[in-house]
Amino acid sequence: MLVVNNLVKQYGKQNAVDDISFELKGGEVVGLLGPNGAGKSTTIKCIVGLLRKTSGEITIGGFDHLSVEAKRFFSYIPETPYVYDLLTVQEHLQFIAQAYGVKEWKAKGNELLEMFELDDKRDKLGRDLSKGMRQKVSICCALLPDPQLLFFDEPMIGLDPKAIKNTKKIFKELKVAGKTILVSTHMIDSVESIADRIMILKDGRILGNDTIANLKQKFVQDEGTTLEDLFLELTKDE
């Protein structure tokens, strides 16, 4: 579903992403973990086309990641949610439905609004929404076209506990439905229970890319080790 080969993103002489390669298969949930400045958001932004990569190849569904064909495959939920000031919550869904050619969208749209407790906010303008509500609208818009591949960049930031629980539930439902998910997050416990695989990034390089069990066995080997322990061990300064 996603193939990244030798991705490099430079800012001046600094490599924010330093020659990384990885693949995501259909129906796989992968957690992208790393400390601040590790290159997580930069990696995702290069994949979705918001940043111009310095070098490397990226394909989505067999198509170049910048092609229209590739863009039909995925949805992206950014760390800082962007909404249109003068569109209502309902109009955001309508806009996405029209952009993606989703004809029968209202029932699913209503279901998503109810799930994220936005049904009574459907006529509220984007400029009047709190950050948490903007994040909820962003997630609803991403799920509406039923994409095969989803990129979540810090999806839990700004959400209340119930919305976090619903988002985790959605991850599990998407996984059962065979969707491919890449989740970049600081909230390690939010991916530990659902991720098939973890990629740990530091200084723009992948330090570990495997199942949680295999990574624990390889790098820690202590009984009772949590994913947080593993993360801290791999990303500690030498």
Protein backbone atom coordinates (compact mmCIF):
# COMPACT_ATOMS: atom_id res chain seq x y z
CA MET A 1 0.00 0.00 0.00
CA LEU A 2 2.84 2.41 0.87
CA VAL A 3 6.48 2.08 -0.17
CA VAL A 4 9.10 4.59 0.95
CA ASN A 5 12.61 4.17 -0.47
CA ASN A 6 15.64 6.20 0.68
CA LEU A 7 13.62 9.24 1.72
CA VAL A 8 15.72 12.30 2.52
CA LYS A 9 14.46 15.73 3.56
CA GLN A 10 17.08 18.42 4.08
CA TYR A 11 16.79 21.86 5.61
CA GLY A 12 20.01 23.57 4.58
CA LYS A 13 22.73 21.05 5.45
CA GLN A 14 20.64 19.34 8.13
CA ASN A 15 18.88 16.06 7.33
CA ALA A 16 15.51 16.18 9.07
CA VAL A 17 14.77 12.79 7.50
CA ASP A 18 17.94 10.82 6.86
CA ASP A 19 17.66 8.16 4.14
CA ILE A 20 14.80 6.04 5.55
CA SER A 21 13.01 3.16 3.84
CA PHE A 22 9.93 1.23 4.95
CA GLU A 23 6.71 -0.34 3.68
CA LEU A 24 3.13 -0.52 4.92
CA LYS A 25 1.00 -3.46 3.86
CA GLY A 26 -2.77 -3.56 3.50
CA GLY A 27 -4.61 -3.96 6.80
CA GLU A 28 -1.60 -3.02 8.91
CA VAL A 29 -1.53 -0.53 11.79
CA VAL A 30 1.91 0.97 12.34
CA GLY A 31 2.88 3.34 15.15
CA LEU A 32 5.52 5.96 14.32
CA LEU A 33 7.18 6.96 17.58
CA GLY A 34 9.99 9.37 18.37
CA PRO A 35 11.00 12.31 20.55
CA ASN A 36 10.38 15.91 19.52
CA GLY A 37 12.35 16.79 16.39
CA ALA A 38 12.84 13.14 15.40
CA GLY A 39 11.31 13.72 11.95
CA LYS A 40 7.90 12.08 12.41
CA SER A 41 5.74 14.91 11.09
CA THR A 42 8.29 15.73 8.37
CA THR A 43 8.17 12.12 7.17
CA ILE A 44 4.38 12.10 6.96
CA LYS A 45 4.25 15.53 5.30
CA CYS A 46 6.72 14.35 2.64
CA ILE A 47 4.59 11.24 2.02
CA VAL A 48 1.33 13.17 1.61
CA GLY A 49 2.97 15.87 -0.50
CA LEU A 50 2.84 18.84 1.88
CA LEU A 51 6.64 19.03 1.92
CA ARG A 52 8.90 18.55 -1.10
CA LYS A 53 11.27 15.67 -0.45
CA THR A 54 14.97 16.22 -1.17
CA SER A 55 15.40 12.73 -2.63
CA GLY A 56 13.92 9.25 -2.55
CA GLU A 57 10.89 7.47 -3.98
CA ILE A 58 7.41 7.16 -2.49
CA THR A 59 4.52 5.17 -3.96
CA ILE A 60 0.98 4.72 -2.66
CA GLY A 61 -1.08 1.90 -4.11
CA GLY A 62 1.58 1.52 -6.81
CA PHE A 63 1.27 5.17 -7.91
CA ASP A 64 3.67 8.06 -7.34
CA HIS A 65 2.63 9.73 -4.09
CA LEU A 66 1.99 13.09 -5.77
CA SER A 67 -0.36 11.69 -8.42
CA VAL A 68 -4.14 12.12 -8.29
CA GLU A 69 -4.48 8.31 -8.32
CA ALA A 70 -2.40 8.05 -5.13
CA LYS A 71 -4.33 10.83 -3.41
CA ARG A 72 -7.59 8.91 -3.89
CA PHE A 73 -6.18 6.18 -1.64
CA PHE A 74 -5.47 8.16 1.51
CA SER A 75 -6.65 10.66 4.10
CA TYR A 76 -4.41 12.78 6.32
CA ILE A 77 -5.21 14.11 9.78
CA PRO A 78 -2.61 16.76 10.67
CA GLU A 79 -1.26 17.55 14.13
CA THR A 80 -2.67 21.08 13.89
CA PRO A 81 -6.18 20.68 12.48
CA TYR A 82 -7.14 23.12 9.74
CA VAL A 83 -10.74 24.05 9.13
CA TYR A 84 -12.33 26.71 6.94
CA ASP A 85 -13.45 29.72 8.98
CA LEU A 86 -16.65 30.35 7.01
CA LEU A 87 -17.82 26.76 6.50
CA THR A 88 -20.05 25.09 9.05
CA VAL A 89 -19.22 21.64 10.40
CA GLN A 90 -21.86 20.13 8.09
CA GLU A 91 -20.49 22.04 5.10
CA HIS A 92 -17.01 20.64 5.77
CA LEU A 93 -18.40 17.14 5.30
CA GLN A 94 -20.30 18.22 2.20
CA PHE A 95 -17.14 19.77 0.74
CA ILE A 96 -15.12 16.57 1.32
CA ALA A 97 -17.93 14.44 -0.14
CA GLN A 98 -17.98 16.56 -3.30
CA ALA A 99 -14.17 16.63 -3.57
CA TYR A 100 -13.93 12.84 -3.32
CA GLY A 101 -17.09 12.11 -5.30
CA VAL A 102 -18.85 10.44 -2.35
CA LYS A 103 -22.52 10.39 -3.33
CA GLU A 104 -24.40 8.82 -0.41
CA TRP A 105 -22.52 10.59 2.37
CA LYS A 106 -25.15 12.05 4.68
CA ALA A 107 -25.92 8.93 6.73
CA LYS A 108 -22.24 8.21 7.36
CA GLY A 109 -21.63 11.91 8.02
CA ASN A 110 -24.37 11.96 10.65
CA GLU A 111 -22.97 8.81 12.25
CA LEU A 112 -19.50 10.37 12.51
CA LEU A 113 -20.87 13.63 13.93
CA GLU A 114 -22.81 11.70 16.58
CA MET A 115 -19.80 9.56 17.47
CA PHE A 116 -17.66 12.65 18.10
CA GLU A 117 -20.51 14.59 19.75
CA LEU A 118 -20.64 17.19 16.99
CA ASP A 119 -24.25 16.61 15.92
CA ASP A 120 -25.41 19.70 17.84
CA LYS A 121 -22.50 21.71 16.36
CA ARG A 122 -23.26 20.96 12.69
CA ASP A 123 -24.28 24.58 11.97
CA LYS A 124 -21.34 26.12 13.83
CA LEU A 125 -18.72 27.95 11.74
CA GLY A 126 -15.15 26.70 11.66
CA ARG A 127 -13.81 29.93 13.16
CA ASP A 128 -15.96 29.38 16.27
CA LEU A 129 -14.67 25.88 17.03
CA SER A 130 -12.23 25.03 19.80
CA LYS A 131 -9.03 23.16 18.93
CA GLY A 132 -10.55 19.90 20.17
CA MET A 133 -13.64 20.38 18.02
CA ARG A 134 -11.46 21.22 15.01
CA GLN A 135 -9.57 17.99 15.56
CA LYS A 136 -12.86 16.06 15.68
CA VAL A 137 -14.03 17.71 12.43
CA SER A 138 -10.69 16.86 10.83
CA ILE A 139 -11.05 13.18 11.80
CA CYS A 140 -14.68 13.05 10.56
CA CYS A 141 -13.66 14.56 7.21
CA ALA A 142 -10.79 12.07 6.88
CA LEU A 143 -13.04 9.07 7.53
CA LEU A 144 -15.93 10.14 5.30
CA PRO A 145 -14.44 9.03 1.92
CA ASP A 146 -13.61 5.56 3.34
CA PRO A 147 -9.89 5.71 2.37
CA GLN A 148 -7.66 2.63 2.16
CA LEU A 149 -4.74 4.37 3.85
CA LEU A 150 -4.87 6.85 6.74
CA PHE A 151 -2.14 9.05 8.17
CA PHE A 152 -2.76 10.30 11.72
CA ASP A 153 -0.24 12.87 13.01
CA GLU A 154 -0.70 13.19 16.79
CA PRO A 155 -4.45 12.47 16.52
CA MET A 156 -5.17 12.53 20.25
CA ILE A 157 -3.85 16.02 21.04
CA GLY A 158 -6.69 18.32 22.05
CA LEU A 159 -9.28 15.55 22.32
CA ASP A 160 -11.29 14.90 25.47
CA PRO A 161 -11.17 11.42 27.08
CA LYS A 162 -14.36 10.22 25.37
CA ALA A 163 -13.13 11.34 21.94
CA ILE A 164 -9.80 9.59 22.58
CA LYS A 165 -11.69 6.39 23.43
CA ASN A 166 -13.80 6.72 20.26
CA THR A 167 -10.69 7.34 18.16
CA LYS A 168 -9.03 4.19 19.52
CA LYS A 169 -12.25 2.29 18.77
CA ILE A 170 -12.20 3.62 15.21
CA PHE A 171 -8.58 2.47 14.81
CA LYS A 172 -9.64 -1.06 15.74
CA GLU A 173 -12.64 -0.97 13.39
CA LEU A 174 -10.49 0.32 10.53
CA LYS A 175 -7.97 -2.44 11.19
CA VAL A 176 -10.71 -5.10 11.08
CA ALA A 177 -11.94 -3.53 7.81
CA GLY A 178 -8.49 -4.05 6.27
CA LYS A 179 -7.44 -0.39 6.22
CA THR A 180 -3.79 0.62 6.52
CA ILE A 181 -2.94 3.15 9.24
CA LEU A 182 0.21 5.07 10.10
CA VAL A 183 -0.09 6.82 13.47
CA SER A 184 2.55 9.30 14.60
CA THR A 185 2.17 10.00 18.30
CA HIS A 186 3.80 10.86 21.61
CA MET A 187 1.02 9.00 23.42
CA ILE A 188 2.61 5.58 23.44
CA ASP A 189 -0.29 3.83 25.20
CA SER A 190 -2.63 4.95 22.42
CA VAL A 191 -0.94 2.64 19.88
CA GLU A 192 0.42 -0.15 22.07
CA SER A 193 -2.85 -2.10 22.07
CA ILE A 194 -3.60 -1.80 18.34
CA ALA A 195 -0.31 -1.53 16.45
CA ASP A 196 0.92 -4.53 14.46
CA ARG A 197 4.31 -2.90 14.23
CA ILE A 198 6.25 0.02 15.68
CA MET A 199 8.79 2.27 13.96
CA ILE A 200 10.97 4.31 16.31
CA LEU A 201 12.55 7.40 14.82
CA LYS A 202 15.40 9.50 16.21
CA ASP A 203 17.36 12.25 14.45
CA GLY A 204 15.63 11.39 11.18
CA ARG A 205 16.67 7.72 11.24
CA ILE A 206 14.72 4.56 11.98
CA LEU A 207 16.21 2.83 15.03
CA GLY A 208 13.68 0.01 15.21
CA ASN A 209 11.00 -1.31 12.87
CA ASP A 210 9.29 -4.50 14.03
CA THR A 211 6.55 -5.90 16.24
CA ILE A 212 6.59 -4.71 19.83
CA ALA A 213 7.44 -8.23 21.04
CA ASN A 214 10.39 -8.56 18.67
CA LEU A 215 11.74 -5.11 19.53
CA LYS A 216 11.53 -5.86 23.25
CA GLN A 217 13.37 -9.16 22.74
CA LYS A 218 16.07 -7.52 20.63
CA PHE A 219 16.76 -4.37 22.65
CA VAL A 220 15.63 -4.88 26.25
CA GLN A 221 14.97 -8.53 27.12
CA ASP A 222 13.68 -7.73 30.61
CA GLU A 223 10.41 -9.29 31.73
CA GLY A 224 7.59 -6.84 32.22
CA THR A 225 9.14 -4.25 29.90
CA THR A 226 6.57 -1.82 28.54
CA LEU A 227 6.59 -0.11 25.15
CA GLU A 228 7.40 3.11 27.00
CA ASP A 229 10.50 1.46 28.53
CA LEU A 230 11.56 0.25 25.09
CA PHE A 231 11.01 3.70 23.58
CA LEU A 232 13.07 5.42 26.27
CA GLU A 233 15.87 2.85 25.93
CA LEU A 234 16.12 3.26 22.16
CA THR A 235 15.90 7.05 22.11
CA LYS A 236 18.15 7.86 25.07
CA ASP A 237 21.14 10.09 24.42
CA GLU A 238 24.44 8.25 24.36
